[in-house]
Amino acid sequence: MWALRAVTNYGPAKLLVSASHTDEGADMIAPWRGFLTQGYTRSMTQTDWNADSDAYKVQFDYDFNRYVSGLSAFISYSVYDRNPIKKPYQSMTNRATQNDDTTQWNMDIAYKCSGSLKGLEFLARFMDQNNDIDRVGTTGAANGNTFDSSNKEMRLEANYRF
């Protein structure tokens, strides 16, 4: 497996461009939620270290501290190119799509509290995922599957960092 990224910062803005590839020999094992491509090509709900997978991501971050203390956001676009004939492992995050190619938009808005609430963070996370079922593979339309597992997701999170 390899992963590359280029990051540039300009004041409160940051741009990330990244790519990763997992060899066709075997899936990578990631115990204890150890996301191997975190900070590179991994996006919400996606595991991209299955054998013979390529992933690409562009992400723009902005720190709004100048306007609202503790506020930041990012938007990203990712492409996941998977081997359609490889049998996926059982704990695939999006079980309905298996090894189909996927494109995904993500947007996170984060607010980190200060003062007596320091360590408390609120997140609003949005995801729009498009799964390509029109290809030969384990779940593709060529195998009689017409179920489109593309989806949208919204998460509201509160985290406390001890």
Protein backbone atom coordinates (compact mmCIF):
# COMPACT_ATOMS: atom_id res chain seq x y z
CA MET A 1 0.00 0.00 0.00
CA TRP A 2 1.10 3.54 -0.64
CA ALA A 3 -0.47 6.93 0.01
CA LEU A 4 0.63 10.39 -1.10
CA ARG A 5 -0.63 13.84 -0.20
CA ALA A 6 0.18 17.44 -0.91
CA VAL A 7 -1.02 20.11 1.51
CA THR A 8 -0.75 23.86 1.18
CA ASN A 9 -1.81 26.50 3.69
CA TYR A 10 -2.61 30.15 3.11
CA GLY A 11 -3.68 31.96 6.26
CA PRO A 12 -6.82 30.27 7.59
CA ALA A 13 -7.25 28.14 4.43
CA LYS A 14 -5.80 24.72 3.66
CA LEU A 15 -5.94 22.60 0.49
CA LEU A 16 -5.22 18.86 0.46
CA VAL A 17 -4.82 16.71 -2.66
CA SER A 18 -4.17 13.01 -2.07
CA ALA A 19 -4.11 9.53 -3.59
CA SER A 20 -3.70 6.00 -2.26
CA HIS A 21 -3.38 2.50 -3.71
CA THR A 22 -3.71 -0.91 -2.08
CA ASP A 23 -1.95 -3.79 -3.84
CA GLU A 24 -4.09 -6.57 -5.27
CA GLY A 25 -2.41 -9.19 -3.04
CA ALA A 26 -4.56 -8.76 0.07
CA ASP A 27 -6.72 -6.39 2.12
CA MET A 28 -4.96 -4.34 4.78
CA ILE A 29 -5.95 -5.24 8.35
CA ALA A 30 -6.94 -2.22 10.46
CA PRO A 31 -7.81 -3.22 14.04
CA TRP A 32 -9.13 -0.86 16.73
CA ARG A 33 -10.47 1.64 14.19
CA GLY A 34 -6.94 2.28 12.92
CA PHE A 35 -7.87 3.94 9.64
CA LEU A 36 -4.79 3.44 7.48
CA THR A 37 -5.56 6.27 5.08
CA GLN A 38 -6.83 8.81 7.64
CA GLY A 39 -5.46 12.21 6.67
CA TYR A 40 -4.97 11.05 3.11
CA THR A 41 -7.93 9.61 1.16
CA ARG A 42 -10.33 8.25 3.79
CA SER A 43 -13.75 9.91 4.00
CA MET A 44 -16.78 9.42 6.21
CA THR A 45 -18.23 5.87 5.87
CA GLN A 46 -15.48 4.70 3.51
CA THR A 47 -12.76 2.10 3.91
CA ASP A 48 -10.31 2.36 1.02
CA TRP A 49 -7.67 -0.21 1.86
CA ASN A 50 -9.34 -3.24 0.29
CA ALA A 51 -7.08 -5.14 -2.10
CA ASP A 52 -6.70 -3.61 -5.55
CA SER A 53 -8.28 -0.25 -4.64
CA ASP A 54 -7.35 3.26 -5.72
CA ALA A 55 -8.62 6.38 -3.98
CA TYR A 56 -8.31 10.11 -4.69
CA LYS A 57 -9.36 13.08 -2.60
CA VAL A 58 -9.40 16.87 -2.76
CA GLN A 59 -10.26 18.77 0.44
CA PHE A 60 -10.55 22.46 1.30
CA ASP A 61 -10.48 23.51 4.97
CA TYR A 62 -11.14 26.95 6.41
CA ASP A 63 -10.68 28.22 9.96
CA PHE A 64 -13.31 30.86 10.76
CA ASN A 65 -11.65 31.88 14.07
CA ARG A 66 -11.30 35.42 12.75
CA TYR A 67 -15.09 35.71 12.67
CA VAL A 68 -16.30 33.19 15.29
CA SER A 69 -13.84 31.80 17.83
CA GLY A 70 -13.64 27.98 17.56
CA LEU A 71 -15.49 27.63 14.22
CA SER A 72 -14.00 25.70 11.30
CA ALA A 73 -15.27 23.79 8.27
CA PHE A 74 -14.15 21.67 5.35
CA ILE A 75 -15.54 20.32 2.11
CA SER A 76 -14.07 17.36 0.23
CA TYR A 77 -14.63 15.26 -2.89
CA SER A 78 -13.38 11.67 -3.04
CA VAL A 79 -13.29 8.93 -5.68
CA TYR A 80 -12.95 5.25 -4.75
CA ASP A 81 -12.04 2.84 -7.57
CA ARG A 82 -12.42 -0.78 -6.42
CA ASN A 83 -11.84 -4.10 -8.12
CA PRO A 84 -15.39 -5.25 -8.98
CA ILE A 85 -14.60 -8.98 -9.02
CA LYS A 86 -12.89 -9.10 -5.64
CA LYS A 87 -15.00 -10.56 -2.85
CA PRO A 88 -15.37 -7.83 -0.20
CA TYR A 89 -14.80 -8.56 3.45
CA GLN A 90 -17.88 -8.83 5.68
CA SER A 91 -17.45 -5.69 7.75
CA MET A 92 -17.46 -3.34 4.75
CA THR A 93 -18.81 -0.03 5.99
CA ASN A 94 -21.49 0.34 3.31
CA ARG A 95 -22.62 -3.29 3.07
CA ALA A 96 -25.15 -2.61 0.30
CA THR A 97 -22.58 -1.50 -2.26
CA GLN A 98 -19.72 -3.97 -1.63
CA ASN A 99 -17.03 -3.34 -4.30
CA ASP A 100 -18.71 -0.83 -6.56
CA ASP A 101 -16.91 2.39 -7.43
CA THR A 102 -17.97 5.32 -5.27
CA THR A 103 -17.78 9.10 -5.38
CA GLN A 104 -18.45 11.08 -2.25
CA TRP A 105 -18.90 14.71 -1.16
CA ASN A 106 -18.33 15.53 2.51
CA MET A 107 -18.75 18.70 4.53
CA ASP A 108 -17.97 19.11 8.22
CA ILE A 109 -18.69 22.15 10.37
CA ALA A 110 -16.95 22.12 13.76
CA TYR A 111 -17.24 24.33 16.80
CA LYS A 112 -14.70 24.00 19.64
CA CYS A 113 -15.85 25.51 22.92
CA SER A 114 -13.56 27.61 25.10
CA GLY A 115 -13.51 28.83 28.68
CA SER A 116 -15.15 26.50 31.23
CA LEU A 117 -16.31 24.23 28.35
CA LYS A 118 -12.82 23.83 26.87
CA GLY A 119 -12.45 20.34 25.41
CA LEU A 120 -16.07 20.19 24.21
CA GLU A 121 -16.54 20.08 20.44
CA PHE A 122 -19.70 20.00 18.33
CA LEU A 123 -19.71 18.65 14.76
CA ALA A 124 -22.28 18.73 11.98
CA ARG A 125 -21.25 16.25 9.29
CA PHE A 126 -22.87 15.89 5.87
CA MET A 127 -22.16 13.25 3.21
CA ASP A 128 -23.53 12.62 -0.30
CA GLN A 129 -22.39 9.28 -1.73
CA ASN A 130 -22.93 7.97 -5.26
CA ASN A 131 -22.34 4.23 -5.76
CA ASP A 132 -21.83 2.97 -9.32
CA ILE A 133 -23.93 -0.18 -9.70
CA ASP A 134 -23.62 -0.24 -13.51
CA ARG A 135 -20.54 -2.41 -13.68
CA VAL A 136 -19.62 -6.07 -13.54
CA GLY A 137 -19.03 -7.10 -9.95
CA THR A 138 -20.48 -8.57 -6.82
CA THR A 139 -23.46 -6.22 -6.64
CA GLY A 140 -23.51 -4.55 -10.05
CA ALA A 141 -26.45 -4.30 -12.45
CA ALA A 142 -24.69 -6.81 -14.72
CA ASN A 143 -25.45 -9.39 -12.02
CA GLY A 144 -29.14 -8.47 -11.88
CA ASN A 145 -28.91 -5.97 -9.03
CA THR A 146 -30.83 -2.79 -9.73
CA PHE A 147 -30.77 -1.51 -6.14
CA ASP A 148 -29.01 1.83 -6.02
CA SER A 149 -27.36 2.08 -2.61
CA SER A 150 -26.26 5.70 -3.11
CA ASN A 151 -27.10 7.64 0.01
CA LYS A 152 -26.95 10.86 1.96
CA GLU A 153 -26.03 11.07 5.61
CA MET A 154 -26.02 13.71 8.31
CA ARG A 155 -24.40 13.28 11.71
CA LEU A 156 -24.53 15.58 14.70
CA GLU A 157 -21.75 14.83 17.15
CA ALA A 158 -20.64 16.14 20.50
CA ASN A 159 -17.18 15.12 21.70
CA TYR A 160 -15.36 15.90 24.90
CA ARG A 161 -11.56 15.72 24.84
CA PHE A 162 -10.28 14.92 28.33
